[in-house]
Amino acid sequence: MTKNWKDNLSTVFSTNPDFKLDNDEDEIETLANEKQQLIVSIDKKQRKGKTVTLIENFIGKTEDLETLAKMLKTKCGVGGSAKDGEIVIQGDFKLKVKELLEKEGYKVKVR
């Protein structure tokens, strides 16, 4: 089953012990920091005119993405979110995020 309970609303459960749900997805293993090629950019589109720092191309587990996002949000002292392989940090922190990611061993490309 998926973590989001709403995804399972139309699921019919079976008593068969070998039954597997079709939506069971194996998450991709997280690549090592030095093998990641992250893209850091500033974005204002579809954000009601507010500036955010966007980190894209993270390859790995959701938990690792959320851990990285939490570290970046803490170091920048702002809020944000993490989902679908991208991290959103509120505000213009492009250079600071680049430095923090490089310190953690990530390859970073700035747009």
PDB file of N, CA and C in Angstrom:
ATOM      1  N   MET A   1       0.834  -1.186   0.000  1.00  0.00           N
ATOM      2  CA  MET A   1       0.000   0.000   0.000  1.00  0.00           C
ATOM      3  C   MET A   1       0.867   1.232   0.000  1.00  0.00           C
ATOM      4  N   THR A   2       0.339   2.273  -0.563  1.00  0.00           N
ATOM      5  CA  THR A   2       1.070   3.531  -0.584  1.00  0.00           C
ATOM      6  C   THR A   2       0.877   4.258   0.737  1.00  0.00           C
ATOM      7  N   LYS A   3       1.738   5.244   0.986  1.00  0.00           N
ATOM      8  CA  LYS A   3       1.680   5.995   2.236  1.00  0.00           C
ATOM      9  C   LYS A   3       0.448   6.882   2.311  1.00  0.00           C
ATOM     10  N   ASN A   4      -0.018   7.358   1.166  1.00  0.00           N
ATOM     11  CA  ASN A   4      -1.164   8.252   1.146  1.00  0.00           C
ATOM     12  C   ASN A   4      -2.440   7.407   1.151  1.00  0.00           C
ATOM     13  N   TRP A   5      -3.248   7.527   2.165  1.00  0.00           N
ATOM     14  CA  TRP A   5      -4.445   6.706   2.307  1.00  0.00           C
ATOM     15  C   TRP A   5      -5.453   6.959   1.199  1.00  0.00           C
ATOM     16  N   LYS A   6      -5.437   8.170   0.608  1.00  0.00           N
ATOM     17  CA  LYS A   6      -6.388   8.491  -0.454  1.00  0.00           C
ATOM     18  C   LYS A   6      -6.138   7.647  -1.710  1.00  0.00           C
ATOM     19  N   ASP A   7      -4.888   7.224  -1.914  1.00  0.00           N
ATOM     20  CA  ASP A   7      -4.567   6.395  -3.070  1.00  0.00           C
ATOM     21  C   ASP A   7      -5.189   4.998  -2.958  1.00  0.00           C
ATOM     22  N   ASN A   8      -5.568   4.593  -1.762  1.00  0.00           N
ATOM     23  CA  ASN A   8      -6.089   3.244  -1.536  1.00  0.00           C
ATOM     24  C   ASN A   8      -7.608   3.190  -1.407  1.00  0.00           C
ATOM     25  N   LEU A   9      -8.306   4.288  -1.643  1.00  0.00           N
ATOM     26  CA  LEU A   9      -9.752   4.316  -1.459  1.00  0.00           C
ATOM     27  C   LEU A   9     -10.483   3.336  -2.363  1.00  0.00           C
ATOM     28  N   SER A  10     -10.009   3.142  -3.583  1.00  0.00           N
ATOM     29  CA  SER A  10     -10.705   2.244  -4.504  1.00  0.00           C
ATOM     30  C   SER A  10     -10.077   0.852  -4.534  1.00  0.00           C
ATOM     31  N   THR A  11      -9.280   0.508  -3.548  1.00  0.00           N
ATOM     32  CA  THR A  11      -8.600  -0.779  -3.506  1.00  0.00           C
ATOM     33  C   THR A  11      -9.495  -1.852  -2.907  1.00  0.00           C
ATOM     34  N   VAL A  12      -9.509  -3.000  -3.542  1.00  0.00           N
ATOM     35  CA  VAL A  12     -10.201  -4.165  -3.006  1.00  0.00           C
ATOM     36  C   VAL A  12      -9.131  -5.060  -2.390  1.00  0.00           C
ATOM     37  N   PHE A  13      -9.288  -5.397  -1.127  1.00  0.00           N
ATOM     38  CA  PHE A  13      -8.282  -6.186  -0.442  1.00  0.00           C
ATOM     39  C   PHE A  13      -8.589  -7.668  -0.577  1.00  0.00           C
ATOM     40  N   SER A  14      -7.524  -8.460  -0.554  1.00  0.00           N
ATOM     41  CA  SER A  14      -7.646  -9.897  -0.742  1.00  0.00           C
ATOM     42  C   SER A  14      -7.139 -10.624   0.494  1.00  0.00           C
ATOM     43  N   THR A  15      -7.644 -11.826   0.713  1.00  0.00           N
ATOM     44  CA  THR A  15      -7.155 -12.656   1.812  1.00  0.00           C
ATOM     45  C   THR A  15      -6.008 -13.551   1.344  1.00  0.00           C
ATOM     46  N   ASN A  16      -5.684 -13.492   0.056  1.00  0.00           N
ATOM     47  CA  ASN A  16      -4.587 -14.264  -0.501  1.00  0.00           C
ATOM     48  C   ASN A  16      -3.267 -13.703   0.030  1.00  0.00           C
ATOM     49  N   PRO A  17      -2.459 -14.520   0.725  1.00  0.00           N
ATOM     50  CA  PRO A  17      -1.216 -14.004   1.304  1.00  0.00           C
ATOM     51  C   PRO A  17      -0.184 -13.595   0.244  1.00  0.00           C
ATOM     52  N   ASP A  18      -0.316 -14.074  -0.988  1.00  0.00           N
ATOM     53  CA  ASP A  18       0.633 -13.740  -2.050  1.00  0.00           C
ATOM     54  C   ASP A  18       0.179 -12.547  -2.891  1.00  0.00           C
ATOM     55  N   PHE A  19      -0.951 -11.956  -2.542  1.00  0.00           N
ATOM     56  CA  PHE A  19      -1.511 -10.850  -3.312  1.00  0.00           C
ATOM     57  C   PHE A  19      -0.654  -9.601  -3.172  1.00  0.00           C
ATOM     58  N   LYS A  20      -0.388  -8.937  -4.294  1.00  0.00           N
ATOM     59  CA  LYS A  20       0.343  -7.670  -4.280  1.00  0.00           C
ATOM     60  C   LYS A  20      -0.501  -6.629  -4.998  1.00  0.00           C
ATOM     61  N   LEU A  21      -0.565  -5.454  -4.419  1.00  0.00           N
ATOM     62  CA  LEU A  21      -1.278  -4.357  -5.058  1.00  0.00           C
ATOM     63  C   LEU A  21      -0.541  -3.920  -6.312  1.00  0.00           C
ATOM     64  N   ASP A  22      -1.288  -3.519  -7.337  1.00  0.00           N
ATOM     65  CA  ASP A  22      -0.675  -3.055  -8.578  1.00  0.00           C
ATOM     66  C   ASP A  22       0.077  -1.746  -8.387  1.00  0.00           C
ATOM     67  N   ASN A  23      -0.351  -0.942  -7.441  1.00  0.00           N
ATOM     68  CA  ASN A  23       0.276   0.362  -7.265  1.00  0.00           C
ATOM     69  C   ASN A  23       1.455   0.332  -6.298  1.00  0.00           C
ATOM     70  N   ASP A  24       1.885  -0.854  -5.880  1.00  0.00           N
ATOM     71  CA  ASP A  24       3.089  -0.949  -5.057  1.00  0.00           C
ATOM     72  C   ASP A  24       4.290  -0.598  -5.909  1.00  0.00           C
ATOM     73  N   GLU A  25       4.912   0.519  -5.592  1.00  0.00           N
ATOM     74  CA  GLU A  25       6.061   0.968  -6.358  1.00  0.00           C
ATOM     75  C   GLU A  25       7.303   0.819  -5.510  1.00  0.00           C
ATOM     76  N   ASP A  26       8.329   0.229  -6.108  1.00  0.00           N
ATOM     77  CA  ASP A  26       9.612   0.167  -5.433  1.00  0.00           C
ATOM     78  C   ASP A  26      10.318   1.490  -5.700  1.00  0.00           C
ATOM     79  N   GLU A  27      10.669   2.187  -4.628  1.00  0.00           N
ATOM     80  CA  GLU A  27      11.342   3.466  -4.810  1.00  0.00           C
ATOM     81  C   GLU A  27      12.754   3.231  -5.316  1.00  0.00           C
ATOM     82  N   ILE A  28      13.225   4.159  -6.101  1.00  0.00           N
ATOM     83  CA  ILE A  28      14.573   4.095  -6.640  1.00  0.00           C
ATOM     84  C   ILE A  28      15.555   4.316  -5.496  1.00  0.00           C
ATOM     85  N   GLU A  29      16.617   3.534  -5.481  1.00  0.00           N
ATOM     86  CA  GLU A  29      17.660   3.732  -4.480  1.00  0.00           C
ATOM     87  C   GLU A  29      18.299   5.099  -4.685  1.00  0.00           C
ATOM     88  N   THR A  30      18.648   5.746  -3.604  1.00  0.00           N
ATOM     89  CA  THR A  30      19.249   7.069  -3.673  1.00  0.00           C
ATOM     90  C   THR A  30      20.685   6.960  -4.171  1.00  0.00           C
ATOM     91  N   LEU A  31      20.988   7.749  -5.188  1.00  0.00           N
ATOM     92  CA  LEU A  31      22.359   7.796  -5.694  1.00  0.00           C
ATOM     93  C   LEU A  31      23.254   8.477  -4.672  1.00  0.00           C
ATOM     94  N   ALA A  32      24.541   8.142  -4.717  1.00  0.00           N
ATOM     95  CA  ALA A  32      25.507   8.797  -3.835  1.00  0.00           C
ATOM     96  C   ALA A  32      25.544  10.287  -4.162  1.00  0.00           C
ATOM     97  N   ASN A  33      25.867  11.088  -3.171  1.00  0.00           N
ATOM     98  CA  ASN A  33      25.871  12.546  -3.349  1.00  0.00           C
ATOM     99  C   ASN A  33      26.701  12.977  -4.548  1.00  0.00           C
ATOM    100  N   GLU A  34      27.895  12.392  -4.695  1.00  0.00           N
ATOM    101  CA  GLU A  34      28.784  12.819  -5.778  1.00  0.00           C
ATOM    102  C   GLU A  34      28.293  12.393  -7.161  1.00  0.00           C
ATOM    103  N   LYS A  35      27.323  11.480  -7.230  1.00  0.00           N
ATOM    104  CA  LYS A  35      26.757  11.047  -8.511  1.00  0.00           C
ATOM    105  C   LYS A  35      25.496  11.831  -8.893  1.00  0.00           C
ATOM    106  N   GLN A  36      24.981  12.626  -7.963  1.00  0.00           N
ATOM    107  CA  GLN A  36      23.795  13.440  -8.225  1.00  0.00           C
ATOM    108  C   GLN A  36      24.191  14.695  -8.991  1.00  0.00           C
ATOM    109  N   GLN A  37      23.401  15.078  -9.984  1.00  0.00           N
ATOM    110  CA  GLN A  37      23.607  16.325 -10.732  1.00  0.00           C
ATOM    111  C   GLN A  37      22.371  17.198 -10.498  1.00  0.00           C
ATOM    112  N   LEU A  38      22.421  18.022  -9.453  1.00  0.00           N
ATOM    113  CA  LEU A  38      21.276  18.844  -9.086  1.00  0.00           C
ATOM    114  C   LEU A  38      21.300  20.172  -9.826  1.00  0.00           C
ATOM    115  N   ILE A  39      20.122  20.681 -10.133  1.00  0.00           N
ATOM    116  CA  ILE A  39      19.982  21.963 -10.808  1.00  0.00           C
ATOM    117  C   ILE A  39      19.306  22.937  -9.846  1.00  0.00           C
ATOM    118  N   VAL A  40      19.964  24.061  -9.594  1.00  0.00           N
ATOM    119  CA  VAL A  40      19.431  25.080  -8.688  1.00  0.00           C
ATOM    120  C   VAL A  40      19.036  26.287  -9.523  1.00  0.00           C
ATOM    121  N   SER A  41      17.799  26.757  -9.329  1.00  0.00           N
ATOM    122  CA  SER A  41      17.313  27.913 -10.079  1.00  0.00           C
ATOM    123  C   SER A  41      16.337  28.720  -9.239  1.00  0.00           C
ATOM    124  N   ILE A  42      16.034  29.909  -9.723  1.00  0.00           N
ATOM    125  CA  ILE A  42      15.041  30.773  -9.087  1.00  0.00           C
ATOM    126  C   ILE A  42      13.759  30.669  -9.911  1.00  0.00           C
ATOM    127  N   ASP A  43      12.630  30.594  -9.236  1.00  0.00           N
ATOM    128  CA  ASP A  43      11.353  30.455  -9.934  1.00  0.00           C
ATOM    129  C   ASP A  43      10.327  31.390  -9.323  1.00  0.00           C
ATOM    130  N   LYS A  44       9.522  32.022 -10.196  1.00  0.00           N
ATOM    131  CA  LYS A  44       8.423  32.883  -9.751  1.00  0.00           C
ATOM    132  C   LYS A  44       7.111  32.471 -10.401  1.00  0.00           C
ATOM    133  N   LYS A  45       7.188  31.613 -11.406  1.00  0.00           N
ATOM    134  CA  LYS A  45       5.993  31.231 -12.159  1.00  0.00           C
ATOM    135  C   LYS A  45       5.040  30.414 -11.293  1.00  0.00           C
ATOM    136  N   GLN A  46       3.779  30.675 -11.412  1.00  0.00           N
ATOM    137  CA  GLN A  46       2.704  29.968 -10.718  1.00  0.00           C
ATOM    138  C   GLN A  46       2.888  29.971  -9.199  1.00  0.00           C
ATOM    139  N   ARG A  47       3.511  31.024  -8.681  1.00  0.00           N
ATOM    140  CA  ARG A  47       3.733  31.107  -7.242  1.00  0.00           C
ATOM    141  C   ARG A  47       3.250  32.445  -6.696  1.00  0.00           C
ATOM    142  N   LYS A  48       2.280  33.029  -7.377  1.00  0.00           N
ATOM    143  CA  LYS A  48       1.666  34.290  -6.966  1.00  0.00           C
ATOM    144  C   LYS A  48       2.705  35.401  -6.798  1.00  0.00           C
ATOM    145  N   GLY A  49       3.723  35.407  -7.679  1.00  0.00           N
ATOM    146  CA  GLY A  49       4.731  36.449  -7.668  1.00  0.00           C
ATOM    147  C   GLY A  49       5.814  36.287  -6.625  1.00  0.00           C
ATOM    148  N   LYS A  50       5.740  35.250  -5.804  1.00  0.00           N
ATOM    149  CA  LYS A  50       6.739  35.044  -4.755  1.00  0.00           C
ATOM    150  C   LYS A  50       7.927  34.275  -5.332  1.00  0.00           C
ATOM    151  N   THR A  51       9.108  34.651  -4.897  1.00  0.00           N
ATOM    152  CA  THR A  51      10.335  34.026  -5.372  1.00  0.00           C
ATOM    153  C   THR A  51      10.650  32.789  -4.543  1.00  0.00           C
ATOM    154  N   VAL A  52      11.017  31.707  -5.234  1.00  0.00           N
ATOM    155  CA  VAL A  52      11.467  30.491  -4.549  1.00  0.00           C
ATOM    156  C   VAL A  52      12.741  29.990  -5.208  1.00  0.00           C
ATOM    157  N   THR A  53      13.541  29.269  -4.434  1.00  0.00           N
ATOM    158  CA  THR A  53      14.715  28.593  -4.957  1.00  0.00           C
ATOM    159  C   THR A  53      14.304  27.152  -5.217  1.00  0.00           C
ATOM    160  N   LEU A  54      14.544  26.680  -6.434  1.00  0.00           N
ATOM    161  CA  LEU A  54      14.109  25.359  -6.861  1.00  0.00           C
ATOM    162  C   LEU A  54      15.325  24.472  -7.057  1.00  0.00           C
ATOM    163  N   ILE A  55      15.315  23.297  -6.425  1.00  0.00           N
ATOM    164  CA  ILE A  55      16.382  22.308  -6.586  1.00  0.00           C
ATOM    165  C   ILE A  55      15.752  21.108  -7.274  1.00  0.00           C
ATOM    166  N   GLU A  56      16.238  20.778  -8.479  1.00  0.00           N
ATOM    167  CA  GLU A  56      15.645  19.716  -9.284  1.00  0.00           C
ATOM    168  C   GLU A  56      16.634  18.588  -9.538  1.00  0.00           C
ATOM    169  N   ASN A  57      16.117  17.470 -10.055  1.00  0.00           N
ATOM    170  CA  ASN A  57      16.882  16.293 -10.503  1.00  0.00           C
ATOM    171  C   ASN A  57      17.399  15.408  -9.385  1.00  0.00           C
ATOM    172  N   PHE A  58      16.812  15.466  -8.197  1.00  0.00           N
ATOM    173  CA  PHE A  58      17.221  14.554  -7.137  1.00  0.00           C
ATOM    174  C   PHE A  58      16.738  13.156  -7.492  1.00  0.00           C
ATOM    175  N   ILE A  59      17.625  12.185  -7.435  1.00  0.00           N
ATOM    176  CA  ILE A  59      17.273  10.803  -7.742  1.00  0.00           C
ATOM    177  C   ILE A  59      17.434   9.985  -6.469  1.00  0.00           C
ATOM    178  N   GLY A  60      16.294   9.462  -5.971  1.00  0.00           N
ATOM    179  CA  GLY A  60      16.375   8.659  -4.769  1.00  0.00           C
ATOM    180  C   GLY A  60      15.068   8.560  -4.027  1.00  0.00           C
ATOM    181  N   LYS A  61      15.166   8.060  -2.813  1.00  0.00           N
ATOM    182  CA  LYS A  61      13.998   7.829  -1.971  1.00  0.00           C
ATOM    183  C   LYS A  61      13.419   9.141  -1.451  1.00  0.00           C
ATOM    184  N   THR A  62      12.124   9.117  -1.231  1.00  0.00           N
ATOM    185  CA  THR A  62      11.412  10.291  -0.725  1.00  0.00           C
ATOM    186  C   THR A  62      11.968  10.733   0.627  1.00  0.00           C
ATOM    187  N   GLU A  63      12.296   9.773   1.490  1.00  0.00           N
ATOM    188  CA  GLU A  63      12.822  10.112   2.815  1.00  0.00           C
ATOM    189  C   GLU A  63      14.135  10.881   2.704  1.00  0.00           C
ATOM    190  N   ASP A  64      14.999  10.469   1.759  1.00  0.00           N
ATOM    191  CA  ASP A  64      16.282  11.151   1.585  1.00  0.00           C
ATOM    192  C   ASP A  64      16.077  12.560   1.025  1.00  0.00           C
ATOM    193  N   LEU A  65      15.110  12.700   0.126  1.00  0.00           N
ATOM    194  CA  LEU A  65      14.775  14.017  -0.423  1.00  0.00           C
ATOM    195  C   LEU A  65      14.284  14.931   0.694  1.00  0.00           C
ATOM    196  N   GLU A  66      13.412  14.411   1.543  1.00  0.00           N
ATOM    197  CA  GLU A  66      12.871  15.208   2.649  1.00  0.00           C
ATOM    198  C   GLU A  66      13.952  15.574   3.666  1.00  0.00           C
ATOM    199  N   THR A  67      14.894  14.669   3.892  1.00  0.00           N
ATOM    200  CA  THR A  67      16.001  14.952   4.810  1.00  0.00           C
ATOM    201  C   THR A  67      16.877  16.078   4.270  1.00  0.00           C
ATOM    202  N   LEU A  68      17.188  16.013   2.974  1.00  0.00           N
ATOM    203  CA  LEU A  68      17.981  17.070   2.344  1.00  0.00           C
ATOM    204  C   LEU A  68      17.228  18.404   2.389  1.00  0.00           C
ATOM    205  N   ALA A  69      15.935  18.369   2.102  1.00  0.00           N
ATOM    206  CA  ALA A  69      15.123  19.588   2.141  1.00  0.00           C
ATOM    207  C   ALA A  69      15.105  20.191   3.540  1.00  0.00           C
ATOM    208  N   LYS A  70      14.970  19.349   4.556  1.00  0.00           N
ATOM    209  CA  LYS A  70      14.945  19.838   5.933  1.00  0.00           C
ATOM    210  C   LYS A  70      16.260  20.517   6.296  1.00  0.00           C
ATOM    211  N   MET A  71      17.376  19.923   5.868  1.00  0.00           N
ATOM    212  CA  MET A  71      18.682  20.512   6.137  1.00  0.00           C
ATOM    213  C   MET A  71      18.795  21.882   5.462  1.00  0.00           C
ATOM    214  N   LEU A  72      18.381  21.973   4.198  1.00  0.00           N
ATOM    215  CA  LEU A  72      18.472  23.241   3.467  1.00  0.00           C
ATOM    216  C   LEU A  72      17.562  24.301   4.082  1.00  0.00           C
ATOM    217  N   LYS A  73      16.339  23.913   4.448  1.00  0.00           N
ATOM    218  CA  LYS A  73      15.406  24.870   5.051  1.00  0.00           C
ATOM    219  C   LYS A  73      15.950  25.381   6.387  1.00  0.00           C
ATOM    220  N   THR A  74      16.550  24.494   7.165  1.00  0.00           N
ATOM    221  CA  THR A  74      17.103  24.874   8.462  1.00  0.00           C
ATOM    222  C   THR A  74      18.269  25.835   8.296  1.00  0.00           C
ATOM    223  N   LYS A  75      19.175  25.519   7.383  1.00  0.00           N
ATOM    224  CA  LYS A  75      20.364  26.359   7.168  1.00  0.00           C
ATOM    225  C   LYS A  75      19.995  27.725   6.591  1.00  0.00           C
ATOM    226  N   CYS A  76      18.930  27.772   5.775  1.00  0.00           N
ATOM    227  CA  CYS A  76      18.498  29.051   5.196  1.00  0.00           C
ATOM    228  C   CYS A  76      17.529  29.788   6.119  1.00  0.00           C
ATOM    229  N   GLY A  77      16.973  29.100   7.101  1.00  0.00           N
ATOM    230  CA  GLY A  77      16.055  29.724   8.045  1.00  0.00           C
ATOM    231  C   GLY A  77      14.709  30.064   7.453  1.00  0.00           C
ATOM    232  N   VAL A  78      14.258  29.255   6.480  1.00  0.00           N
ATOM    233  CA  VAL A  78      12.978  29.518   5.809  1.00  0.00           C
ATOM    234  C   VAL A  78      12.191  28.225   5.653  1.00  0.00           C
ATOM    235  N   GLY A  79      10.982  28.341   5.118  1.00  0.00           N
ATOM    236  CA  GLY A  79      10.144  27.183   4.855  1.00  0.00           C
ATOM    237  C   GLY A  79      10.359  26.675   3.450  1.00  0.00           C
ATOM    238  N   GLY A  80       9.622  25.628   3.130  1.00  0.00           N
ATOM    239  CA  GLY A  80       9.709  25.048   1.801  1.00  0.00           C
ATOM    240  C   GLY A  80       9.020  23.702   1.770  1.00  0.00           C
ATOM    241  N   SER A  81       9.242  22.969   0.684  1.00  0.00           N
ATOM    242  CA  SER A  81       8.632  21.646   0.554  1.00  0.00           C
ATOM    243  C   SER A  81       9.509  20.755  -0.305  1.00  0.00           C
ATOM    244  N   ALA A  82       9.189  19.454  -0.284  1.00  0.00           N
ATOM    245  CA  ALA A  82       9.936  18.480  -1.080  1.00  0.00           C
ATOM    246  C   ALA A  82       8.979  17.427  -1.600  1.00  0.00           C
ATOM    247  N   LYS A  83       8.952  17.251  -2.930  1.00  0.00           N
ATOM    248  CA  LYS A  83       8.155  16.184  -3.519  1.00  0.00           C
ATOM    249  C   LYS A  83       8.545  16.009  -4.976  1.00  0.00           C
ATOM    250  N   ASP A  84       8.312  14.822  -5.495  1.00  0.00           N
ATOM    251  CA  ASP A  84       8.554  14.498  -6.903  1.00  0.00           C
ATOM    252  C   ASP A  84       9.966  14.851  -7.372  1.00  0.00           C
ATOM    253  N   GLY A  85      10.963  14.595  -6.529  1.00  0.00           N
ATOM    254  CA  GLY A  85      12.344  14.830  -6.932  1.00  0.00           C
ATOM    255  C   GLY A  85      12.772  16.280  -6.953  1.00  0.00           C
ATOM    256  N   GLU A  86      11.957  17.169  -6.386  1.00  0.00           N
ATOM    257  CA  GLU A  86      12.360  18.568  -6.346  1.00  0.00           C
ATOM    258  C   GLU A  86      12.100  19.179  -4.973  1.00  0.00           C
ATOM    259  N   ILE A  87      12.946  20.136  -4.652  1.00  0.00           N
ATOM    260  CA  ILE A  87      12.859  20.831  -3.370  1.00  0.00           C
ATOM    261  C   ILE A  87      12.573  22.300  -3.656  1.00  0.00           C
ATOM    262  N   VAL A  88      11.631  22.864  -2.924  1.00  0.00           N
ATOM    263  CA  VAL A  88      11.289  24.277  -3.050  1.00  0.00           C
ATOM    264  C   VAL A  88      11.653  24.957  -1.733  1.00  0.00           C
ATOM    265  N   ILE A  89      12.528  25.966  -1.829  1.00  0.00           N
ATOM    266  CA  ILE A  89      12.931  26.760  -0.668  1.00  0.00           C
ATOM    267  C   ILE A  89      12.374  28.167  -0.872  1.00  0.00           C
ATOM    268  N   GLN A  90      11.659  28.680   0.120  1.00  0.00           N
ATOM    269  CA  GLN A  90      11.048  30.004  -0.004  1.00  0.00           C
ATOM    270  C   GLN A  90      12.118  31.088   0.018  1.00  0.00           C
ATOM    271  N   GLY A  91      12.102  31.952  -1.002  1.00  0.00           N
ATOM    272  CA  GLY A  91      13.049  33.059  -1.071  1.00  0.00           C
ATOM    273  C   GLY A  91      14.161  32.803  -2.076  1.00  0.00           C
ATOM    274  N   ASP A  92      15.002  33.811  -2.273  1.00  0.00           N
ATOM    275  CA  ASP A  92      16.118  33.738  -3.213  1.00  0.00           C
ATOM    276  C   ASP A  92      17.384  33.332  -2.460  1.00  0.00           C
ATOM    277  N   PHE A  93      17.673  32.047  -2.440  1.00  0.00           N
ATOM    278  CA  PHE A  93      18.838  31.506  -1.744  1.00  0.00           C
ATOM    279  C   PHE A  93      19.708  30.685  -2.686  1.00  0.00           C
ATOM    280  N   LYS A  94      19.724  31.065  -3.957  1.00  0.00           N
ATOM    281  CA  LYS A  94      20.416  30.275  -4.978  1.00  0.00           C
ATOM    282  C   LYS A  94      21.890  30.032  -4.623  1.00  0.00           C
ATOM    283  N   LEU A  95      22.614  31.086  -4.285  1.00  0.00           N
ATOM    284  CA  LEU A  95      24.042  30.935  -4.000  1.00  0.00           C
ATOM    285  C   LEU A  95      24.299  30.171  -2.705  1.00  0.00           C
ATOM    286  N   LYS A  96      23.508  30.456  -1.684  1.00  0.00           N
ATOM    287  CA  LYS A  96      23.678  29.761  -0.404  1.00  0.00           C
ATOM    288  C   LYS A  96      23.366  28.275  -0.557  1.00  0.00           C
ATOM    289  N   VAL A  97      22.287  27.944  -1.282  1.00  0.00           N
ATOM    290  CA  VAL A  97      21.913  26.545  -1.504  1.00  0.00           C
ATOM    291  C   VAL A  97      23.001  25.839  -2.303  1.00  0.00           C
ATOM    292  N   LYS A  98      23.541  26.513  -3.306  1.00  0.00           N
ATOM    293  CA  LYS A  98      24.628  25.940  -4.117  1.00  0.00           C
ATOM    294  C   LYS A  98      25.811  25.583  -3.224  1.00  0.00           C
ATOM    295  N   GLU A  99      26.218  26.505  -2.362  1.00  0.00           N
ATOM    296  CA  GLU A  99      27.341  26.266  -1.454  1.00  0.00           C
ATOM    297  C   GLU A  99      27.055  25.104  -0.503  1.00  0.00           C
ATOM    298  N   LEU A 100      25.850  25.071   0.059  1.00  0.00           N
ATOM    299  CA  LEU A 100      25.492  24.009   0.997  1.00  0.00           C
ATOM    300  C   LEU A 100      25.501  22.636   0.319  1.00  0.00           C
ATOM    301  N   LEU A 101      24.954  22.573  -0.900  1.00  0.00           N
ATOM    302  CA  LEU A 101      24.921  21.303  -1.626  1.00  0.00           C
ATOM    303  C   LEU A 101      26.320  20.838  -2.006  1.00  0.00           C
ATOM    304  N   GLU A 102      27.174  21.764  -2.441  1.00  0.00           N
ATOM    305  CA  GLU A 102      28.547  21.403  -2.791  1.00  0.00           C
ATOM    306  C   GLU A 102      29.317  20.924  -1.567  1.00  0.00           C
ATOM    307  N   LYS A 103      29.040  21.527  -0.407  1.00  0.00           N
ATOM    308  CA  LYS A 103      29.682  21.109   0.838  1.00  0.00           C
ATOM    309  C   LYS A 103      29.274  19.672   1.200  1.00  0.00           C
ATOM    310  N   GLU A 104      28.049  19.281   0.819  1.00  0.00           N
ATOM    311  CA  GLU A 104      27.550  17.923   1.074  1.00  0.00           C
ATOM    312  C   GLU A 104      28.039  16.928   0.013  1.00  0.00           C
ATOM    313  N   GLY A 105      28.735  17.416  -1.018  1.00  0.00           N
ATOM    314  CA  GLY A 105      29.304  16.535  -2.026  1.00  0.00           C
ATOM    315  C   GLY A 105      28.502  16.403  -3.310  1.00  0.00           C
ATOM    316  N   TYR A 106      27.441  17.201  -3.469  1.00  0.00           N
ATOM    317  CA  TYR A 106      26.617  17.139  -4.679  1.00  0.00           C
ATOM    318  C   TYR A 106      27.268  17.942  -5.804  1.00  0.00           C
ATOM    319  N   LYS A 107      27.041  17.505  -7.054  1.00  0.00           N
ATOM    320  CA  LYS A 107      27.411  18.311  -8.222  1.00  0.00           C
ATOM    321  C   LYS A 107      26.245  19.240  -8.474  1.00  0.00           C
ATOM    322  N   VAL A 108      26.513  20.528  -8.620  1.00  0.00           N
ATOM    323  CA  VAL A 108      25.452  21.516  -8.729  1.00  0.00           C
ATOM    324  C   VAL A 108      25.629  22.355  -9.981  1.00  0.00           C
ATOM    325  N   LYS A 109      24.546  22.511 -10.716  1.00  0.00           N
ATOM    326  CA  LYS A 109      24.510  23.386 -11.878  1.00  0.00           C
ATOM    327  C   LYS A 109      23.505  24.496 -11.566  1.00  0.00           C
ATOM    328  N   VAL A 110      23.903  25.748 -11.764  1.00  0.00           N
ATOM    329  CA  VAL A 110      23.034  26.897 -11.463  1.00  0.00           C
ATOM    330  C   VAL A 110      22.488  27.439 -12.762  1.00  0.00           C
ATOM    331  N   ARG A 111      21.171  27.670 -12.776  1.00  0.00           N
ATOM    332  CA  ARG A 111      20.524  28.283 -13.936  1.00  0.00           C
ATOM    333  C   ARG A 111      20.192  29.700 -13.644  1.00  0.00           C
TER     334      ARG A 111
END
